[in-house]
């Protein structure tokens, strides 16, 4: 028996209105990540008293891993968006702490907050893409989401490099935080207008 489902083109399927807000905030969040993935090392070389890359990324990785291993049930219980918004803002707060950091402890706190943000945001956004895409189009939707996430990391480096030259490292981390906060607010408003239950 032939399926009655009419296949849509790639761009039509990945451009579905219910996916656009997720793609948008995913791109903005990944762009914000590029601030510390690209420039934390050179920042710490310039200001070694703040600590080490190992301290930041060990805390970052532990926070993300523990969160997924022990608290992975939280988004399902409380709702994807209800957990996603605080996760995005946690990542932004980590960037702000990094911008204001003056001791190694501050850097560890920034790693904790950024790890919590990434630990929840990426899997939640991925899940939202899977839920919202048509079953026959999920592969294309996930591919687009992953590509946009990687693209954010790619464009973030040169963009923040220009910002570093203009306002320095702390200003760059603050700028990245602002980018994530604004994107989160836009996402929230966008989602309210879509009125999609997740």
N, C-alpha and C. Protein backbone atom coordinates (compact mmCIF):
# COMPACT_ATOMS: atom_id res chain seq x y z
N UNK A 1 0.84 -1.19 0.00
CA UNK A 1 0.00 0.00 0.00
C UNK A 1 0.87 1.24 0.00
N UNK A 2 0.59 2.14 -0.91
CA UNK A 2 1.39 3.36 -0.99
C UNK A 2 1.02 4.35 0.12
N UNK A 3 2.03 5.05 0.63
CA UNK A 3 1.78 6.04 1.67
C UNK A 3 1.08 7.25 1.08
N UNK A 4 0.15 7.81 1.85
CA UNK A 4 -0.57 9.00 1.39
C UNK A 4 0.17 10.29 1.75
N UNK A 5 1.32 10.14 2.44
CA UNK A 5 2.10 11.30 2.84
C UNK A 5 2.83 11.86 1.63
N UNK A 6 2.69 13.14 1.41
CA UNK A 6 3.37 13.80 0.30
C UNK A 6 4.71 14.35 0.80
N UNK A 7 5.78 13.87 0.20
CA UNK A 7 7.11 14.32 0.63
C UNK A 7 7.33 15.77 0.23
N UNK A 8 7.89 16.53 1.14
CA UNK A 8 8.20 17.93 0.87
C UNK A 8 9.69 18.08 0.59
N UNK A 9 10.03 19.16 -0.06
CA UNK A 9 11.43 19.41 -0.33
C UNK A 9 12.19 19.69 0.96
N UNK A 10 13.52 19.59 0.89
CA UNK A 10 14.36 19.77 2.08
C UNK A 10 14.13 21.13 2.72
N UNK A 11 14.19 22.20 1.93
CA UNK A 11 14.09 23.54 2.49
C UNK A 11 12.69 23.83 3.03
N UNK A 12 11.69 23.23 2.40
CA UNK A 12 10.33 23.40 2.90
C UNK A 12 10.17 22.70 4.25
N UNK A 13 10.72 21.51 4.35
CA UNK A 13 10.58 20.74 5.59
C UNK A 13 11.34 21.36 6.74
N UNK A 14 12.57 21.80 6.50
CA UNK A 14 13.36 22.37 7.61
C UNK A 14 12.96 23.81 7.90
N UNK A 15 12.21 24.41 6.99
CA UNK A 15 11.77 25.79 7.21
C UNK A 15 10.38 25.88 7.81
N UNK A 16 9.86 24.75 8.30
CA UNK A 16 8.53 24.74 8.90
C UNK A 16 8.46 25.73 10.06
N UNK A 17 7.34 26.42 10.17
CA UNK A 17 7.24 27.50 11.16
C UNK A 17 7.46 27.04 12.59
N UNK A 18 7.09 25.79 12.89
CA UNK A 18 7.25 25.29 14.26
C UNK A 18 8.70 25.00 14.60
N UNK A 19 9.59 24.99 13.61
CA UNK A 19 11.01 24.72 13.85
C UNK A 19 11.85 25.99 13.87
N UNK A 20 11.36 27.05 13.27
CA UNK A 20 12.18 28.25 13.09
C UNK A 20 12.68 28.84 14.40
N UNK A 21 11.81 28.90 15.41
CA UNK A 21 12.22 29.50 16.69
C UNK A 21 13.31 28.66 17.36
N UNK A 22 13.22 27.34 17.20
CA UNK A 22 14.22 26.44 17.79
C UNK A 22 15.56 26.61 17.08
N UNK A 23 15.52 26.66 15.76
CA UNK A 23 16.74 26.89 14.98
C UNK A 23 17.37 28.23 15.35
N UNK A 24 16.53 29.23 15.49
CA UNK A 24 17.02 30.58 15.82
C UNK A 24 17.76 30.61 17.14
N UNK A 25 17.14 30.11 18.19
CA UNK A 25 17.77 30.20 19.51
C UNK A 25 18.96 29.25 19.60
N UNK A 26 18.90 28.13 18.89
CA UNK A 26 20.05 27.22 18.86
C UNK A 26 21.26 27.87 18.22
N UNK A 27 21.03 28.59 17.12
CA UNK A 27 22.11 29.31 16.45
C UNK A 27 22.69 30.39 17.35
N UNK A 28 21.81 31.15 18.01
CA UNK A 28 22.28 32.22 18.89
C UNK A 28 23.06 31.67 20.07
N UNK A 29 22.58 30.58 20.66
CA UNK A 29 23.25 29.99 21.82
C UNK A 29 24.63 29.46 21.43
N UNK A 30 24.71 28.76 20.30
CA UNK A 30 26.00 28.22 19.88
C UNK A 30 26.98 29.33 19.53
N UNK A 31 26.48 30.42 19.00
CA UNK A 31 27.34 31.57 18.72
C UNK A 31 27.92 32.11 20.02
N UNK A 32 27.07 32.18 21.05
CA UNK A 32 27.55 32.63 22.36
C UNK A 32 28.62 31.72 22.93
N UNK A 33 28.50 30.40 22.69
CA UNK A 33 29.50 29.46 23.18
C UNK A 33 30.88 29.74 22.60
N UNK A 34 30.89 30.24 21.37
CA UNK A 34 32.16 30.49 20.69
C UNK A 34 33.03 31.50 21.45
N UNK A 35 32.40 32.34 22.27
CA UNK A 35 33.17 33.36 23.00
C UNK A 35 34.22 32.71 23.89
N UNK A 36 33.82 31.67 24.64
CA UNK A 36 34.82 31.05 25.51
C UNK A 36 35.54 29.88 24.86
N UNK A 37 34.90 29.20 23.93
CA UNK A 37 35.60 28.13 23.23
C UNK A 37 36.79 28.68 22.43
N UNK A 38 36.63 29.90 21.92
CA UNK A 38 37.67 30.48 21.07
C UNK A 38 38.65 31.37 21.83
N UNK A 39 38.15 32.13 22.81
CA UNK A 39 38.98 33.19 23.38
C UNK A 39 39.34 33.04 24.85
N UNK A 40 38.83 32.01 25.51
CA UNK A 40 39.18 31.87 26.93
C UNK A 40 40.68 31.63 27.10
N UNK A 41 41.27 30.82 26.23
CA UNK A 41 42.69 30.51 26.35
C UNK A 41 43.55 31.76 26.26
N UNK A 42 43.31 32.60 25.25
CA UNK A 42 44.12 33.81 25.10
C UNK A 42 43.84 34.81 26.22
N UNK A 43 42.61 34.79 26.73
CA UNK A 43 42.28 35.66 27.85
C UNK A 43 43.07 35.26 29.09
N UNK A 44 43.16 33.96 29.34
CA UNK A 44 43.88 33.49 30.53
C UNK A 44 45.39 33.65 30.37
N UNK A 45 45.87 33.65 29.15
CA UNK A 45 47.29 33.94 28.92
C UNK A 45 47.57 35.40 29.28
N UNK A 46 46.62 36.25 28.97
CA UNK A 46 46.75 37.68 29.26
C UNK A 46 46.57 37.96 30.75
N UNK A 47 45.65 37.21 31.39
CA UNK A 47 45.37 37.40 32.83
C UNK A 47 45.49 36.05 33.52
N UNK A 48 46.71 35.54 33.74
CA UNK A 48 46.90 34.20 34.31
C UNK A 48 46.39 34.05 35.74
N UNK A 49 46.20 35.15 36.44
CA UNK A 49 45.74 35.07 37.83
C UNK A 49 44.30 34.56 37.94
N UNK A 50 43.57 34.50 36.82
CA UNK A 50 42.18 34.05 36.86
C UNK A 50 42.06 32.53 36.92
N UNK A 51 43.14 31.82 36.65
CA UNK A 51 43.07 30.36 36.71
C UNK A 51 43.48 29.72 35.40
N UNK A 52 42.98 28.52 35.17
CA UNK A 52 43.43 27.73 34.02
C UNK A 52 42.25 27.25 33.17
N UNK A 53 42.56 26.89 31.94
CA UNK A 53 41.57 26.28 31.05
C UNK A 53 41.04 24.99 31.68
N UNK A 54 41.94 24.24 32.30
CA UNK A 54 41.55 22.96 32.89
C UNK A 54 40.49 23.15 33.97
N UNK A 55 40.67 24.18 34.79
CA UNK A 55 39.71 24.44 35.87
C UNK A 55 38.33 24.74 35.30
N UNK A 56 38.28 25.58 34.27
CA UNK A 56 37.00 25.95 33.68
C UNK A 56 36.34 24.76 33.01
N UNK A 57 37.07 24.09 32.11
CA UNK A 57 36.44 23.05 31.31
C UNK A 57 36.22 21.74 32.07
N UNK A 58 37.00 21.51 33.14
CA UNK A 58 36.71 20.34 33.98
C UNK A 58 35.39 20.55 34.70
N UNK A 59 35.22 21.74 35.27
CA UNK A 59 33.95 22.06 35.94
C UNK A 59 32.80 22.03 34.94
N UNK A 60 33.04 22.59 33.78
CA UNK A 60 32.06 22.64 32.69
C UNK A 60 31.59 21.23 32.33
N UNK A 61 32.55 20.35 32.08
CA UNK A 61 32.23 18.98 31.66
C UNK A 61 31.54 18.20 32.77
N UNK A 62 32.02 18.36 34.00
CA UNK A 62 31.41 17.65 35.12
C UNK A 62 29.97 18.09 35.33
N UNK A 63 29.73 19.40 35.24
CA UNK A 63 28.38 19.92 35.42
C UNK A 63 27.45 19.36 34.36
N UNK A 64 27.87 19.39 33.11
CA UNK A 64 27.04 18.89 32.03
C UNK A 64 26.79 17.39 32.15
N UNK A 65 27.83 16.64 32.51
CA UNK A 65 27.71 15.19 32.62
C UNK A 65 26.81 14.78 33.77
N UNK A 66 27.03 15.36 34.94
CA UNK A 66 26.21 15.04 36.12
C UNK A 66 24.77 15.42 35.89
N UNK A 67 24.58 16.56 35.25
CA UNK A 67 23.22 17.03 34.97
C UNK A 67 22.47 16.02 34.11
N UNK A 68 23.10 15.57 33.04
CA UNK A 68 22.44 14.63 32.13
C UNK A 68 22.26 13.25 32.77
N UNK A 69 23.25 12.84 33.57
CA UNK A 69 23.19 11.50 34.15
C UNK A 69 22.19 11.40 35.30
N UNK A 70 22.13 12.42 36.15
CA UNK A 70 21.30 12.35 37.35
C UNK A 70 20.01 13.17 37.27
N UNK A 71 20.01 14.18 36.42
CA UNK A 71 18.84 15.06 36.35
C UNK A 71 18.27 15.17 34.94
N UNK A 72 18.53 14.16 34.13
CA UNK A 72 18.00 14.17 32.78
C UNK A 72 16.48 14.10 32.71
N UNK A 73 15.87 13.68 33.81
CA UNK A 73 14.41 13.56 33.87
C UNK A 73 13.70 14.90 34.06
N UNK A 74 14.43 15.91 34.46
CA UNK A 74 13.80 17.20 34.81
C UNK A 74 13.03 17.82 33.64
N UNK A 75 13.62 17.93 32.43
CA UNK A 75 12.86 18.53 31.33
C UNK A 75 11.56 17.78 31.02
N UNK A 76 11.61 16.46 31.09
CA UNK A 76 10.41 15.67 30.78
C UNK A 76 9.33 15.91 31.83
N UNK A 77 9.74 16.07 33.06
CA UNK A 77 8.75 16.25 34.14
C UNK A 77 8.17 17.66 34.17
N UNK A 78 9.02 18.65 33.98
CA UNK A 78 8.56 20.03 34.13
C UNK A 78 8.27 20.73 32.81
N UNK A 79 8.63 20.11 31.70
CA UNK A 79 8.37 20.72 30.40
C UNK A 79 9.66 21.22 29.77
N UNK A 80 9.78 20.98 28.47
CA UNK A 80 11.02 21.34 27.78
C UNK A 80 11.32 22.83 27.85
N UNK A 81 10.35 23.65 27.51
CA UNK A 81 10.60 25.10 27.51
C UNK A 81 10.81 25.65 28.91
N UNK A 82 10.14 25.08 29.89
CA UNK A 82 10.29 25.57 31.26
C UNK A 82 11.70 25.34 31.78
N UNK A 83 12.36 24.33 31.27
CA UNK A 83 13.74 24.06 31.68
C UNK A 83 14.72 24.73 30.72
N UNK A 84 14.34 24.82 29.44
CA UNK A 84 15.23 25.42 28.45
C UNK A 84 15.55 26.88 28.75
N UNK A 85 14.54 27.66 29.09
CA UNK A 85 14.76 29.09 29.32
C UNK A 85 15.78 29.32 30.44
N UNK A 86 15.62 28.70 31.62
CA UNK A 86 16.66 28.86 32.66
C UNK A 86 18.03 28.35 32.22
N UNK A 87 18.04 27.28 31.40
CA UNK A 87 19.32 26.74 30.94
C UNK A 87 20.04 27.75 30.05
N UNK A 88 19.31 28.36 29.13
CA UNK A 88 19.91 29.38 28.28
C UNK A 88 20.43 30.55 29.11
N UNK A 89 19.64 30.96 30.09
CA UNK A 89 20.04 32.09 30.94
C UNK A 89 21.20 31.71 31.86
N UNK A 90 21.29 30.42 32.22
CA UNK A 90 22.44 29.96 33.00
C UNK A 90 23.71 30.12 32.19
N UNK A 91 23.66 29.75 30.92
CA UNK A 91 24.82 29.94 30.05
C UNK A 91 25.20 31.39 29.93
N UNK A 92 24.19 32.26 29.80
CA UNK A 92 24.46 33.70 29.70
C UNK A 92 25.05 34.24 31.00
N UNK A 93 24.54 33.75 32.13
CA UNK A 93 25.07 34.18 33.43
C UNK A 93 26.52 33.76 33.60
N UNK A 94 26.84 32.56 33.12
CA UNK A 94 28.23 32.11 33.17
C UNK A 94 29.15 33.04 32.41
N UNK A 95 28.69 33.52 31.26
CA UNK A 95 29.47 34.47 30.48
C UNK A 95 29.65 35.81 31.22
N UNK A 96 28.61 36.23 31.91
CA UNK A 96 28.69 37.47 32.68
C UNK A 96 29.69 37.32 33.83
N UNK A 97 29.62 36.17 34.52
CA UNK A 97 30.58 35.90 35.60
C UNK A 97 32.00 35.91 35.05
N UNK A 98 32.18 35.34 33.86
CA UNK A 98 33.49 35.32 33.22
C UNK A 98 33.95 36.74 32.91
N UNK A 99 33.03 37.57 32.48
CA UNK A 99 33.37 38.96 32.16
C UNK A 99 33.81 39.74 33.39
N UNK A 100 33.23 39.38 34.54
CA UNK A 100 33.51 40.11 35.78
C UNK A 100 34.54 39.41 36.66
N UNK A 101 35.02 38.26 36.22
CA UNK A 101 35.89 37.43 37.06
C UNK A 101 37.17 38.15 37.47
N UNK A 102 37.56 37.92 38.74
CA UNK A 102 38.82 38.48 39.24
C UNK A 102 39.62 37.45 40.02
N UNK A 103 39.03 36.25 40.22
CA UNK A 103 39.72 35.19 40.95
C UNK A 103 39.47 33.84 40.26
N UNK A 104 40.28 32.83 40.55
CA UNK A 104 40.05 31.50 39.99
C UNK A 104 38.69 30.92 40.37
N UNK A 105 38.19 31.27 41.54
CA UNK A 105 36.87 30.79 41.97
C UNK A 105 35.78 31.28 41.02
N UNK A 106 35.90 32.52 40.61
CA UNK A 106 34.93 33.08 39.66
C UNK A 106 34.93 32.29 38.36
N UNK A 107 36.11 31.89 37.92
CA UNK A 107 36.22 31.13 36.68
C UNK A 107 35.56 29.76 36.82
N UNK A 108 35.71 29.14 37.98
CA UNK A 108 35.07 27.84 38.22
C UNK A 108 33.55 27.99 38.25
N UNK A 109 33.07 29.06 38.87
CA UNK A 109 31.63 29.32 38.90
C UNK A 109 31.11 29.53 37.48
N UNK A 110 31.87 30.26 36.68
CA UNK A 110 31.48 30.47 35.28
C UNK A 110 31.41 29.14 34.54
N UNK A 111 32.38 28.26 34.79
CA UNK A 111 32.37 26.94 34.17
C UNK A 111 31.16 26.13 34.58
N UNK A 112 30.79 26.22 35.86
CA UNK A 112 29.63 25.51 36.38
C UNK A 112 28.35 25.98 35.68
N UNK A 113 28.17 27.29 35.61
CA UNK A 113 26.97 27.86 35.00
C UNK A 113 26.89 27.57 33.51
N UNK A 114 28.02 27.71 32.82
CA UNK A 114 28.04 27.43 31.38
C UNK A 114 27.81 25.95 31.12
N UNK A 115 28.36 25.08 31.96
CA UNK A 115 28.16 23.65 31.81
C UNK A 115 26.70 23.26 32.02
N UNK A 116 26.07 23.87 33.01
CA UNK A 116 24.64 23.60 33.25
C UNK A 116 23.83 24.06 32.04
N UNK A 117 24.16 25.24 31.53
CA UNK A 117 23.44 25.76 30.37
C UNK A 117 23.55 24.85 29.16
N UNK A 118 24.77 24.47 28.84
CA UNK A 118 24.99 23.61 27.68
C UNK A 118 24.44 22.21 27.93
N UNK A 119 24.59 21.72 29.16
CA UNK A 119 24.15 20.37 29.50
C UNK A 119 22.66 20.15 29.29
N UNK A 120 21.87 21.19 29.49
CA UNK A 120 20.43 21.09 29.27
C UNK A 120 20.01 21.62 27.90
N UNK A 121 20.58 22.76 27.48
CA UNK A 121 20.08 23.43 26.28
C UNK A 121 20.20 22.58 25.02
N UNK A 122 21.37 21.99 24.78
CA UNK A 122 21.55 21.25 23.54
C UNK A 122 20.60 20.04 23.43
N UNK A 123 20.52 19.16 24.44
CA UNK A 123 19.59 18.03 24.30
C UNK A 123 18.12 18.44 24.26
N UNK A 124 17.76 19.50 24.97
CA UNK A 124 16.37 19.95 24.93
C UNK A 124 16.02 20.48 23.55
N UNK A 125 16.89 21.31 22.98
CA UNK A 125 16.64 21.83 21.64
C UNK A 125 16.57 20.71 20.62
N UNK A 126 17.46 19.74 20.75
CA UNK A 126 17.44 18.59 19.84
C UNK A 126 16.12 17.83 19.95
N UNK A 127 15.66 17.65 21.18
CA UNK A 127 14.40 16.95 21.40
C UNK A 127 13.23 17.72 20.81
N UNK A 128 13.25 19.04 20.96
CA UNK A 128 12.18 19.86 20.40
C UNK A 128 12.12 19.73 18.88
N UNK A 129 13.29 19.65 18.25
CA UNK A 129 13.34 19.47 16.79
C UNK A 129 12.71 18.14 16.42
N UNK A 130 13.07 17.07 17.14
CA UNK A 130 12.53 15.74 16.86
C UNK A 130 11.01 15.72 17.03
N UNK A 131 10.52 16.32 18.10
CA UNK A 131 9.09 16.31 18.39
C UNK A 131 8.30 17.10 17.35
N UNK A 132 8.84 18.24 16.93
CA UNK A 132 8.10 19.13 16.05
C UNK A 132 8.17 18.77 14.57
N UNK A 133 9.23 18.12 14.16
CA UNK A 133 9.38 17.76 12.76
C UNK A 133 8.44 16.60 12.41
N UNK A 134 7.99 16.56 11.18
CA UNK A 134 7.22 15.41 10.71
C UNK A 134 8.11 14.16 10.81
N UNK A 135 7.51 13.01 11.11
CA UNK A 135 8.33 11.79 11.24
C UNK A 135 9.23 11.53 10.04
N UNK A 136 8.70 11.75 8.84
CA UNK A 136 9.50 11.48 7.64
C UNK A 136 10.52 12.56 7.35
N UNK A 137 10.49 13.65 8.12
CA UNK A 137 11.41 14.76 7.89
C UNK A 137 12.36 14.99 9.06
N UNK A 138 12.34 14.12 10.04
CA UNK A 138 13.15 14.32 11.24
C UNK A 138 14.65 14.29 10.93
N UNK A 139 15.05 13.43 10.03
CA UNK A 139 16.47 13.37 9.67
C UNK A 139 16.96 14.69 9.12
N UNK A 140 16.18 15.29 8.23
CA UNK A 140 16.56 16.57 7.64
C UNK A 140 16.57 17.68 8.70
N UNK A 141 15.57 17.65 9.59
CA UNK A 141 15.48 18.68 10.62
C UNK A 141 16.65 18.62 11.59
N UNK A 142 17.00 17.40 12.02
CA UNK A 142 18.13 17.24 12.93
C UNK A 142 19.43 17.65 12.25
N UNK A 143 19.57 17.29 10.97
CA UNK A 143 20.77 17.68 10.22
C UNK A 143 20.90 19.19 10.16
N UNK A 144 19.78 19.87 9.92
CA UNK A 144 19.81 21.33 9.85
C UNK A 144 20.14 21.93 11.21
N UNK A 145 19.54 21.39 12.27
CA UNK A 145 19.82 21.91 13.61
C UNK A 145 21.30 21.77 13.95
N UNK A 146 21.85 20.59 13.69
CA UNK A 146 23.26 20.35 13.97
C UNK A 146 24.15 21.27 13.15
N UNK A 147 23.79 21.46 11.87
CA UNK A 147 24.57 22.33 11.00
C UNK A 147 24.53 23.77 11.49
N UNK A 148 23.36 24.23 11.93
CA UNK A 148 23.24 25.59 12.43
C UNK A 148 24.01 25.77 13.73
N UNK A 149 24.00 24.75 14.58
CA UNK A 149 24.75 24.82 15.84
C UNK A 149 26.24 24.95 15.54
N UNK A 150 26.71 24.14 14.60
CA UNK A 150 28.12 24.22 14.21
C UNK A 150 28.44 25.55 13.53
N UNK A 151 27.48 26.05 12.75
CA UNK A 151 27.68 27.33 12.06
C UNK A 151 27.81 28.47 13.06
N UNK A 152 27.04 28.40 14.15
CA UNK A 152 27.15 29.42 15.19
C UNK A 152 28.54 29.46 15.79
N UNK A 153 29.09 28.28 16.05
CA UNK A 153 30.46 28.21 16.57
C UNK A 153 31.46 28.75 15.56
N UNK A 154 31.18 28.51 14.28
CA UNK A 154 32.08 28.95 13.21
C UNK A 154 32.09 30.47 13.07
N UNK A 155 30.91 31.07 13.03
CA UNK A 155 30.85 32.52 12.81
C UNK A 155 31.16 33.29 14.09
N UNK A 156 30.98 32.62 15.25
CA UNK A 156 31.23 33.31 16.51
C UNK A 156 32.68 33.71 16.68
N UNK A 157 33.60 32.86 16.21
CA UNK A 157 35.02 33.16 16.36
C UNK A 157 35.42 34.48 15.72
N UNK A 158 35.22 34.65 14.41
CA UNK A 158 35.58 35.92 13.77
C UNK A 158 34.80 37.11 14.32
N UNK A 159 33.52 36.89 14.62
CA UNK A 159 32.70 37.99 15.12
C UNK A 159 33.21 38.49 16.46
N UNK A 160 33.45 37.56 17.39
CA UNK A 160 33.95 37.95 18.71
C UNK A 160 35.39 38.43 18.65
N UNK A 161 36.14 37.95 17.64
CA UNK A 161 37.50 38.46 17.46
C UNK A 161 37.48 39.96 17.21
N UNK A 162 36.53 40.42 16.39
CA UNK A 162 36.39 41.85 16.13
C UNK A 162 35.98 42.59 17.39
N UNK A 163 35.12 41.96 18.19
CA UNK A 163 34.66 42.59 19.44
C UNK A 163 35.81 42.69 20.44
N UNK A 164 36.64 41.63 20.51
CA UNK A 164 37.80 41.67 21.40
C UNK A 164 38.69 42.85 21.05
N UNK A 165 38.91 43.06 19.76
CA UNK A 165 39.75 44.17 19.33
C UNK A 165 39.18 45.52 19.71
N UNK A 166 37.85 45.58 19.82
CA UNK A 166 37.20 46.86 20.12
C UNK A 166 37.02 47.12 21.61
N UNK A 167 36.62 46.08 22.37
CA UNK A 167 36.27 46.31 23.78
C UNK A 167 37.01 45.40 24.75
N UNK A 168 37.87 44.52 24.27
CA UNK A 168 38.61 43.63 25.16
C UNK A 168 37.84 42.37 25.49
N UNK A 169 38.49 41.49 26.24
CA UNK A 169 37.89 40.19 26.56
C UNK A 169 36.66 40.28 27.47
N UNK A 170 36.72 41.00 28.59
CA UNK A 170 35.53 41.07 29.44
C UNK A 170 34.32 41.63 28.68
N UNK A 171 34.55 42.66 27.88
CA UNK A 171 33.46 43.22 27.10
C UNK A 171 32.91 42.23 26.09
N UNK A 172 33.77 41.39 25.56
CA UNK A 172 33.35 40.38 24.60
C UNK A 172 32.47 39.33 25.25
N UNK A 173 32.87 38.88 26.44
CA UNK A 173 32.05 37.89 27.14
C UNK A 173 30.70 38.49 27.54
N UNK A 174 30.70 39.76 27.92
CA UNK A 174 29.45 40.43 28.25
C UNK A 174 28.57 40.58 27.01
N UNK A 175 29.20 40.88 25.87
CA UNK A 175 28.47 40.99 24.62
C UNK A 175 27.84 39.66 24.24
N UNK A 176 28.59 38.57 24.40
CA UNK A 176 28.07 37.24 24.10
C UNK A 176 26.90 36.90 25.01
N UNK A 177 27.00 37.28 26.29
CA UNK A 177 25.91 37.05 27.23
C UNK A 177 24.66 37.81 26.79
N UNK A 178 24.85 39.05 26.39
CA UNK A 178 23.73 39.86 25.92
C UNK A 178 23.06 39.24 24.70
N UNK A 179 23.87 38.69 23.81
CA UNK A 179 23.34 38.03 22.61
C UNK A 179 22.43 36.87 22.99
N UNK A 180 22.87 36.07 23.94
CA UNK A 180 22.08 34.91 24.36
C UNK A 180 20.81 35.36 25.08
N UNK A 181 20.91 36.37 25.92
CA UNK A 181 19.74 36.87 26.65
C UNK A 181 18.70 37.41 25.69
N UNK A 182 19.12 38.24 24.75
CA UNK A 182 18.18 38.81 23.77
C UNK A 182 17.53 37.70 22.95
N UNK A 183 18.33 36.73 22.51
CA UNK A 183 17.79 35.62 21.73
C UNK A 183 16.78 34.81 22.55
N UNK A 184 17.05 34.65 23.84
CA UNK A 184 16.13 33.91 24.71
C UNK A 184 14.80 34.65 24.84
N UNK A 185 14.86 35.96 24.98
CA UNK A 185 13.64 36.76 25.08
C UNK A 185 12.84 36.67 23.79
N UNK A 186 13.52 36.81 22.66
CA UNK A 186 12.85 36.70 21.36
C UNK A 186 12.22 35.32 21.20
N UNK A 187 12.97 34.29 21.59
CA UNK A 187 12.46 32.92 21.51
C UNK A 187 11.20 32.75 22.35
N UNK A 188 11.21 33.29 23.55
CA UNK A 188 10.06 33.16 24.45
C UNK A 188 8.83 33.82 23.83
N UNK A 189 8.99 35.01 23.30
CA UNK A 189 7.86 35.71 22.67
C UNK A 189 7.38 34.94 21.44
N UNK A 190 8.31 34.48 20.64
CA UNK A 190 8.01 33.71 19.44
C UNK A 190 7.20 32.46 19.79
N UNK A 191 7.63 31.76 20.84
CA UNK A 191 6.95 30.55 21.26
C UNK A 191 5.53 30.83 21.76
N UNK A 192 5.35 31.94 22.45
CA UNK A 192 4.03 32.29 22.94
C UNK A 192 3.07 32.52 21.77
N UNK A 193 3.58 33.11 20.70
CA UNK A 193 2.74 33.35 19.53
C UNK A 193 2.43 32.07 18.78
N UNK A 194 3.37 31.13 18.80
CA UNK A 194 3.12 29.85 18.14
C UNK A 194 2.14 28.99 18.90
N UNK A 195 2.16 29.13 20.22
CA UNK A 195 1.27 28.37 21.11
C UNK A 195 1.40 26.86 20.89
N UNK A 196 2.65 26.38 20.82
CA UNK A 196 2.93 24.96 20.66
C UNK A 196 3.21 24.36 22.03
N UNK A 197 2.57 23.24 22.31
CA UNK A 197 2.78 22.57 23.60
C UNK A 197 3.97 21.62 23.49
N UNK A 198 4.99 21.82 24.35
CA UNK A 198 6.16 20.93 24.41
C UNK A 198 6.28 20.36 25.80
